[in-house]
Amino acid sequence: MSSQALGPESASGGVLVRPGSRRRRIALSVILAVALLAMVGIGVGVYLKSVESDVGRVDAFTEVPTEARPPKAPEARDARNLLILGSDSRDPENTGGSRSDTIILAHIPQGGTSAQLVSIPRDTWVHVPASKNGQHGNRDAKINAAFAWGGVPLLVQTVEEFTKVRIDHVVMVDFAGFKEIVDALDGVQIDVERSFTSTHSLNPDGRREFVKGPQTMDGAAALDYARERYAFPDGDFARIRHQQQLIRAVLDKAASGGLLANPGRLDDFLRATADAVTVDKTLSLVDLATELRHLRGGNLTFATSPSSGTGMIGTESVVLADEAKARTLYTAIRRDAVPDILAASKPR
C-alpha cells in the first residue's frame, strides 16, 4: 500500500526506510505490541504460538540485586506491572541509539479487563543506582541515562527505586516498527490536536503538514505524527500524548474484528508486531494474550508521571518529579487500587 495518509484530510506521503535486524535494535516504550497481539485474542492462538518463537528475548532481571527490589503488595499478587521502553531506531534525531526514548509503566489489574499506562518522561531527574561494573551511576541523572550505563537491568532497578513498584516483565518495542503495524491494519484514525509541520519526516523533503482534526493515517504519517516534538511548546510532553494516541488507535483498530476475517492481513499484522518486539525471558505472549483478551482502547487509561515542571540542573534541562503526587500514584499502582490510580491520574 502507499505510504501516504489515506484520507482527504490526511498528510502527504513519505518513503519507506527498511528496518535493520530486530535483534540489533533498542526497542520502544503498552502493553504496546504485547497488547496488540492480545487484541486478536484466543481465536488466533496458533498464530500467537508461531509468532512467539520469532520474538527476541532479553535478560532483564538477573543483574538486578534481589535485595534492591521492592516487594509485591499482598493485595496485588495477581496484578502485573510491565515496563515498556525503547527508542525509535529510524528517528532521524536518534543518532546515538543508546538511551531509552520512551518509558512506560503499564499496570494490569487482577482480571486483565483494563490497563493503566504511566509515561515517565525520559528527562525525569532521578537517582540512578550504580551500574554492575561500578563505572557509572550511583548519582542523580536523567532516568534514561540508566539504559546507557547498564542496559535493561539498570533501567529496571532505576524505575523500581523511583516508583517503589515491582516490575514483573519488560517489553521493548521499536517504535519505528509501528509503521509496518499501522500499514498492516490499513491505517488508523487519529484526531490531530492542532495544525503543525513535522520537520524530520520520512518524506523526501523531511517535512509533512498535519491539519487539526480527525485523519486516517498510514504508517509513515502516523510515525511522523508520533515523533514530532519541536512544533509544540511542551515538547516531549506533546510527543508522549501523541504516542499514547497512536497506541490507542492501533489497539482499537486491531480489536475491530476485521483482522480475523482476513488471514493475510492477520498474518501481516502479527509478523509486523513480532518484528518490533523484544521481551524478557519469562514473558509468555500466549498467556498474556489470554489474560488480556477483553482489553480494548476504551479500557486503557494513559497518564504521565507527575512533575512540577522543567528546570536546569547544571547544564542539563530536566523534568522535575512532583514527589508527593508521584508517591500517591505509584502507591496506588503498588496496591492494585484501580480507583485510586484513576483519581491520581487525572490532570489537575
Protein backbone atom coordinates (compact mmCIF):
# COMPACT_ATOMS: atom_id res chain seq x y z
CA MET A 1 0.00 0.00 0.00
CA SER A 2 1.01 3.61 -0.45
CA SER A 3 2.96 5.31 2.30
CA GLN A 4 0.63 8.30 2.07
CA ALA A 5 -2.07 9.12 4.55
CA LEU A 6 -5.34 7.58 3.49
CA GLY A 7 -8.00 10.23 3.98
CA PRO A 8 -8.62 13.52 2.16
CA GLU A 9 -7.71 15.44 5.31
CA SER A 10 -4.50 13.47 5.84
CA ALA A 11 -0.89 14.46 5.50
CA SER A 12 1.13 13.90 2.36
CA GLY A 13 3.14 10.78 1.65
CA GLY A 14 6.56 9.56 2.63
CA VAL A 15 9.15 6.93 1.78
CA LEU A 16 9.70 3.64 3.48
CA VAL A 17 13.08 3.04 5.11
CA ARG A 18 13.72 -0.65 5.53
CA PRO A 19 14.49 -1.79 9.06
CA GLY A 20 17.72 -3.37 10.16
CA SER A 21 17.88 -6.52 12.21
CA ARG A 22 15.35 -6.52 15.05
CA ARG A 23 17.91 -8.17 17.29
CA ARG A 24 20.22 -5.15 16.95
CA ARG A 25 17.53 -2.63 17.83
CA ILE A 26 16.92 -0.97 21.12
CA ALA A 27 13.19 -1.03 21.30
CA LEU A 28 10.16 1.43 22.48
CA SER A 29 8.11 2.32 25.35
CA VAL A 30 1.66 -0.56 26.28
CA ILE A 31 1.23 -3.17 26.66
CA LEU A 32 2.11 -1.71 23.31
CA ALA A 33 2.82 -4.51 20.94
CA VAL A 34 2.11 -7.21 23.50
CA ALA A 35 -1.43 -5.94 23.80
CA LEU A 36 -1.58 -5.72 20.03
CA LEU A 37 -1.11 -9.45 19.94
CA ALA A 38 -3.65 -9.78 22.73
CA MET A 39 -6.21 -7.81 20.73
CA VAL A 40 -6.77 -10.70 18.38
CA GLY A 41 -7.31 -12.95 21.37
CA ILE A 42 -7.53 -16.69 21.86
CA GLY A 43 -9.08 -17.17 18.43
CA VAL A 44 -5.63 -16.97 16.90
CA GLY A 45 -3.72 -18.94 19.49
CA VAL A 46 -1.95 -20.99 16.83
CA TYR A 47 -0.72 -17.78 15.22
CA LEU A 48 0.49 -16.47 18.55
CA LYS A 49 2.44 -19.62 19.32
CA SER A 50 4.19 -19.50 15.97
CA VAL A 51 4.91 -15.77 16.25
CA GLU A 52 6.17 -16.04 19.83
CA SER A 53 9.15 -18.11 18.69
CA ASP A 54 10.24 -15.18 16.50
CA VAL A 55 10.14 -12.58 19.26
CA GLY A 56 13.51 -11.51 20.65
CA ARG A 57 14.35 -12.10 24.32
CA VAL A 58 16.36 -10.02 26.76
CA ASP A 59 17.74 -10.89 30.20
CA ALA A 60 16.09 -8.12 32.19
CA PHE A 61 16.35 -9.21 35.82
CA THR A 62 19.32 -11.42 36.70
CA GLU A 63 21.63 -8.44 37.20
CA VAL A 64 19.13 -6.58 39.39
CA PRO A 65 20.14 -7.14 43.04
CA THR A 66 17.36 -9.05 44.80
CA GLU A 67 17.72 -7.01 47.96
CA ALA A 68 17.19 -3.79 45.99
CA ARG A 69 13.84 -4.83 44.54
CA PRO A 70 10.56 -3.65 46.12
CA PRO A 71 8.28 -6.45 47.34
CA LYS A 72 4.88 -7.07 45.80
CA ALA A 73 1.98 -5.96 47.96
CA PRO A 74 -0.11 -8.98 49.07
CA GLU A 75 -3.29 -7.46 47.65
CA ALA A 76 -1.59 -7.04 44.26
CA ARG A 77 -0.18 -10.54 43.87
CA ASP A 78 -2.39 -11.27 40.83
CA ALA A 79 -1.79 -7.91 39.15
CA ARG A 80 1.05 -7.38 36.71
CA ASN A 81 3.37 -4.46 36.07
CA LEU A 82 5.12 -4.23 32.71
CA LEU A 83 7.96 -1.86 31.91
CA ILE A 84 7.63 -0.85 28.28
CA LEU A 85 10.60 1.00 26.88
CA GLY A 86 12.84 1.66 23.97
CA SER A 87 13.76 4.10 21.25
CA ASP A 88 12.87 4.84 17.66
CA SER A 89 15.61 3.16 15.63
CA ARG A 90 14.70 5.11 12.48
CA ASP A 91 14.09 8.53 14.01
CA PRO A 92 16.46 10.98 12.27
CA GLU A 93 17.10 12.53 15.70
CA ASN A 94 18.25 9.19 17.13
CA THR A 95 21.94 9.29 16.28
CA GLY A 96 23.34 7.56 19.33
CA GLY A 97 20.78 4.84 19.92
CA SER A 98 22.00 4.24 23.47
CA ARG A 99 19.20 5.78 25.51
CA SER A 100 15.59 4.80 26.02
CA ASP A 101 13.41 7.49 24.46
CA THR A 102 10.15 6.18 25.89
CA ILE A 103 9.48 4.66 29.31
CA ILE A 104 6.00 3.42 30.23
CA LEU A 105 4.93 1.65 33.40
CA ALA A 106 1.89 -0.43 32.43
CA HIS A 107 -0.27 -1.76 35.24
CA ILE A 108 -2.62 -4.67 34.51
CA PRO A 109 -5.02 -5.15 37.42
CA GLN A 110 -6.28 -8.52 38.53
CA GLY A 111 -8.64 -9.83 35.86
CA GLY A 112 -6.96 -8.04 32.96
CA THR A 113 -10.03 -6.08 31.82
CA SER A 114 -8.28 -2.73 31.99
CA ALA A 115 -4.79 -1.28 31.98
CA GLN A 116 -3.28 1.91 33.32
CA LEU A 117 -0.22 3.22 31.49
CA VAL A 118 2.05 5.85 33.01
CA SER A 119 4.60 7.53 30.77
CA ILE A 120 7.75 8.60 32.58
CA PRO A 121 9.43 11.46 30.68
CA ARG A 122 12.91 10.46 29.62
CA ASP A 123 14.42 13.60 31.16
CA THR A 124 12.97 12.94 34.63
CA TRP A 125 15.69 13.65 37.23
CA VAL A 126 16.10 10.63 39.50
CA HIS A 127 18.72 8.69 41.42
CA VAL A 128 20.38 6.07 39.21
CA PRO A 129 21.94 3.17 41.14
CA ALA A 130 25.48 2.05 40.42
CA SER A 131 25.97 0.01 37.26
CA LYS A 132 27.17 -3.57 37.62
CA ASN A 133 30.72 -2.65 36.61
CA GLY A 134 30.74 0.23 39.09
CA GLN A 135 31.84 2.73 36.45
CA HIS A 136 28.54 4.61 36.17
CA GLY A 137 25.52 5.61 38.18
CA ASN A 138 25.27 5.95 41.96
CA ARG A 139 24.22 9.53 41.36
CA ASP A 140 21.31 11.66 40.20
CA ALA A 141 20.76 11.85 36.45
CA LYS A 142 18.10 11.77 33.76
CA ILE A 143 16.23 8.48 34.02
CA ASN A 144 17.11 7.35 30.51
CA ALA A 145 20.81 7.52 31.37
CA ALA A 146 20.29 4.25 33.25
CA PHE A 147 19.85 2.40 29.97
CA ALA A 148 23.05 3.83 28.52
CA TRP A 149 25.00 2.95 31.67
CA GLY A 150 23.64 -0.50 32.44
CA GLY A 151 21.12 -1.63 29.84
CA VAL A 152 17.71 -3.04 30.71
CA PRO A 153 18.66 -4.34 34.20
CA LEU A 154 19.86 -0.94 35.43
CA LEU A 155 16.80 0.79 33.97
CA VAL A 156 14.55 -1.75 35.72
CA GLN A 157 16.37 -1.09 39.00
CA THR A 158 16.13 2.68 38.49
CA VAL A 159 12.39 2.61 37.75
CA GLU A 160 11.73 0.32 40.71
CA GLU A 161 13.70 2.60 43.03
CA PHE A 162 11.87 5.68 41.72
CA THR A 163 8.34 4.22 41.81
CA LYS A 164 8.69 1.53 44.51
CA VAL A 165 6.66 -0.67 42.11
CA ARG A 166 7.83 -4.23 41.41
CA ILE A 167 8.32 -4.84 37.67
CA ASP A 168 7.10 -8.27 36.54
CA HIS A 169 8.01 -8.13 32.86
CA VAL A 170 9.79 -5.96 30.32
CA VAL A 171 8.57 -5.25 26.79
CA MET A 172 10.85 -3.43 24.36
CA VAL A 173 9.22 -2.08 21.22
CA ASP A 174 10.93 -0.41 18.29
CA PHE A 175 8.52 2.46 17.72
CA ALA A 176 9.68 2.70 14.12
CA GLY A 177 8.18 -0.77 13.68
CA PHE A 178 4.75 0.77 14.21
CA LYS A 179 4.86 1.90 10.57
CA GLU A 180 4.53 -1.67 9.37
CA ILE A 181 1.95 -2.44 12.08
CA VAL A 182 -0.24 0.51 11.05
CA ASP A 183 0.06 -0.40 7.37
CA ALA A 184 -0.94 -3.99 8.16
CA LEU A 185 -4.12 -2.52 9.67
CA ASP A 186 -4.78 -0.39 6.55
CA GLY A 187 -4.29 2.79 8.58
CA VAL A 188 -5.59 4.21 11.85
CA GLN A 189 -7.77 7.16 12.85
CA ILE A 190 -6.04 9.98 14.76
CA ASP A 191 -7.59 13.24 15.95
CA VAL A 192 -4.83 15.84 15.46
CA GLU A 193 -4.91 18.35 18.32
CA ARG A 194 -3.56 21.30 16.31
CA SER A 195 -2.16 22.00 12.86
CA PHE A 196 1.63 21.73 12.63
CA THR A 197 4.54 20.83 10.39
CA SER A 198 6.70 17.82 11.17
CA THR A 199 10.28 18.75 10.33
CA HIS A 200 12.03 15.38 10.43
CA SER A 201 9.57 13.40 8.35
CA LEU A 202 10.00 10.22 6.34
CA ASN A 203 9.10 12.34 3.30
CA PRO A 204 12.00 13.08 0.90
CA ASP A 205 11.97 16.78 1.82
CA GLY A 206 11.83 16.00 5.56
CA ARG A 207 8.51 17.79 6.08
CA ARG A 208 4.88 16.79 6.50
CA GLU A 209 1.88 19.02 7.12
CA PHE A 210 -0.77 17.98 9.65
CA VAL A 211 -4.16 19.69 9.80
CA LYS A 212 -6.19 19.89 13.00
CA GLY A 213 -9.00 17.35 13.20
CA PRO A 214 -9.64 13.64 12.54
CA GLN A 215 -7.39 11.98 9.97
CA THR A 216 -6.88 8.46 8.74
CA MET A 217 -3.14 7.94 8.66
CA ASP A 218 -0.99 5.27 7.11
CA GLY A 219 2.14 4.09 8.87
CA ALA A 220 4.52 6.78 7.61
CA ALA A 221 2.16 9.62 8.55
CA ALA A 222 1.37 8.10 11.96
CA LEU A 223 5.05 7.68 12.73
CA ASP A 224 5.82 11.28 11.78
CA TYR A 225 2.93 12.43 13.97
CA ALA A 226 4.16 10.47 16.99
CA ARG A 227 7.78 11.63 16.58
CA GLU A 228 7.35 15.40 16.43
CA ARG A 229 8.18 17.49 19.49
CA TYR A 230 9.75 20.73 18.27
CA ALA A 231 6.45 22.03 16.85
CA PHE A 232 4.90 22.13 20.33
CA PRO A 233 5.64 24.41 23.27
CA ASP A 234 5.61 21.46 25.67
CA GLY A 235 8.00 19.40 23.55
CA ASP A 236 8.37 15.84 24.85
CA PHE A 237 5.07 16.03 26.73
CA ALA A 238 3.30 16.56 23.38
CA ARG A 239 5.19 13.63 21.89
CA ILE A 240 4.08 11.45 24.82
CA ARG A 241 0.44 12.45 24.19
CA HIS A 242 0.73 11.61 20.51
CA GLN A 243 2.38 8.26 21.16
CA GLN A 244 -0.47 7.45 23.53
CA GLN A 245 -2.98 8.45 20.83
CA LEU A 246 -1.28 6.16 18.33
CA ILE A 247 -1.20 3.26 20.75
CA ARG A 248 -4.92 3.60 21.50
CA ALA A 249 -5.77 3.92 17.80
CA VAL A 250 -3.81 0.78 16.90
CA LEU A 251 -5.40 -1.20 19.72
CA ASP A 252 -8.90 -0.12 18.69
CA LYS A 253 -8.31 -0.91 15.01
CA ALA A 254 -6.79 -4.30 15.83
CA ALA A 255 -9.80 -5.10 18.01
CA SER A 256 -12.37 -4.07 15.41
CA GLY A 257 -12.80 -7.62 14.12
CA GLY A 258 -11.66 -7.13 10.54
CA LEU A 259 -8.35 -8.88 11.13
CA LEU A 260 -9.93 -12.21 11.98
CA ALA A 261 -11.86 -12.17 8.70
CA ASN A 262 -8.72 -11.67 6.63
CA PRO A 263 -6.00 -14.28 7.26
CA GLY A 264 -3.48 -12.46 5.07
CA ARG A 265 -3.82 -9.17 6.93
CA LEU A 266 -3.82 -11.01 10.24
CA ASP A 267 -0.54 -12.69 9.40
CA ASP A 268 0.99 -9.39 8.23
CA PHE A 269 -0.15 -7.72 11.44
CA LEU A 270 1.21 -10.41 13.75
CA ARG A 271 4.51 -10.67 11.91
CA ALA A 272 5.00 -6.90 11.91
CA THR A 273 4.21 -6.81 15.61
CA ALA A 274 6.62 -9.64 16.41
CA ASP A 275 9.33 -7.95 14.38
CA ALA A 276 9.03 -4.80 16.50
CA VAL A 277 9.07 -6.51 19.90
CA THR A 278 11.64 -7.87 22.34
CA VAL A 279 10.51 -9.21 25.73
CA ASP A 280 12.08 -10.58 28.88
CA LYS A 281 12.88 -14.27 29.07
CA THR A 282 9.92 -15.22 31.28
CA LEU A 283 7.06 -13.48 29.48
CA SER A 284 4.63 -15.71 27.57
CA LEU A 285 2.79 -13.77 24.89
CA VAL A 286 0.20 -16.53 24.62
CA ASP A 287 -0.57 -16.36 28.35
CA LEU A 288 -0.69 -12.57 28.27
CA ALA A 289 -2.96 -12.57 25.22
CA THR A 290 -5.31 -14.94 27.04
CA GLU A 291 -5.29 -12.69 30.09
CA LEU A 292 -5.90 -9.53 28.06
CA ARG A 293 -8.37 -10.87 25.52
CA HIS A 294 -11.10 -8.47 26.68
CA LEU A 295 -8.89 -5.38 26.72
CA ARG A 296 -9.86 -2.55 24.36
CA GLY A 297 -8.70 1.01 23.82
CA GLY A 298 -11.61 2.29 25.89
CA ASN A 299 -10.31 0.34 28.87
CA LEU A 300 -6.89 1.96 28.74
CA THR A 301 -6.01 4.91 30.94
CA PHE A 302 -3.00 6.97 29.94
CA ALA A 303 -1.18 9.24 32.36
CA THR A 304 2.15 10.98 32.68
CA SER A 305 4.26 10.65 35.80
CA PRO A 306 3.50 13.73 37.94
CA SER A 307 6.02 16.52 37.57
CA SER A 308 6.44 20.04 38.87
CA GLY A 309 7.72 21.24 35.51
CA THR A 310 11.12 21.54 33.92
CA GLY A 311 14.29 23.18 35.12
CA MET A 312 18.05 23.33 34.78
CA ILE A 313 20.44 21.23 36.84
CA GLY A 314 23.93 22.25 35.91
CA THR A 315 23.91 22.43 32.13
CA GLU A 316 21.08 19.91 31.72
CA SER A 317 17.42 20.65 31.05
CA VAL A 318 15.45 18.18 33.14
CA VAL A 319 11.92 17.23 34.19
CA LEU A 320 11.42 17.62 37.95
CA ALA A 321 9.24 14.98 39.59
CA ASP A 322 6.39 16.07 41.85
CA GLU A 323 7.37 13.69 44.60
CA ALA A 324 4.16 13.90 46.64
CA LYS A 325 1.82 13.31 43.68
CA ALA A 326 4.08 10.65 42.25
CA ARG A 327 4.12 8.83 45.57
CA THR A 328 0.30 8.84 45.65
CA LEU A 329 0.06 7.45 42.11
CA TYR A 330 2.70 4.75 42.47
CA THR A 331 1.41 3.67 45.89
CA ALA A 332 -1.99 3.07 44.27
CA ILE A 333 -0.35 1.05 41.49
CA ARG A 334 1.63 -0.97 44.01
CA ARG A 335 -1.61 -1.81 45.88
CA ASP A 336 -3.59 -2.54 42.68
CA ALA A 337 -6.09 0.07 43.81
CA VAL A 338 -7.58 0.99 40.43
CA PRO A 339 -9.98 3.75 41.63
CA ASP A 340 -7.06 5.43 43.40
CA ILE A 341 -4.87 5.05 40.29
CA LEU A 342 -7.55 6.71 38.17
CA ALA A 343 -8.03 9.51 40.68
CA ALA A 344 -4.29 10.16 40.90
CA SER A 345 -4.01 10.09 37.08
CA LYS A 346 -6.49 12.90 36.47
CA PRO A 347 -4.90 16.20 35.37
CA ARG A 348 -5.09 18.92 37.99
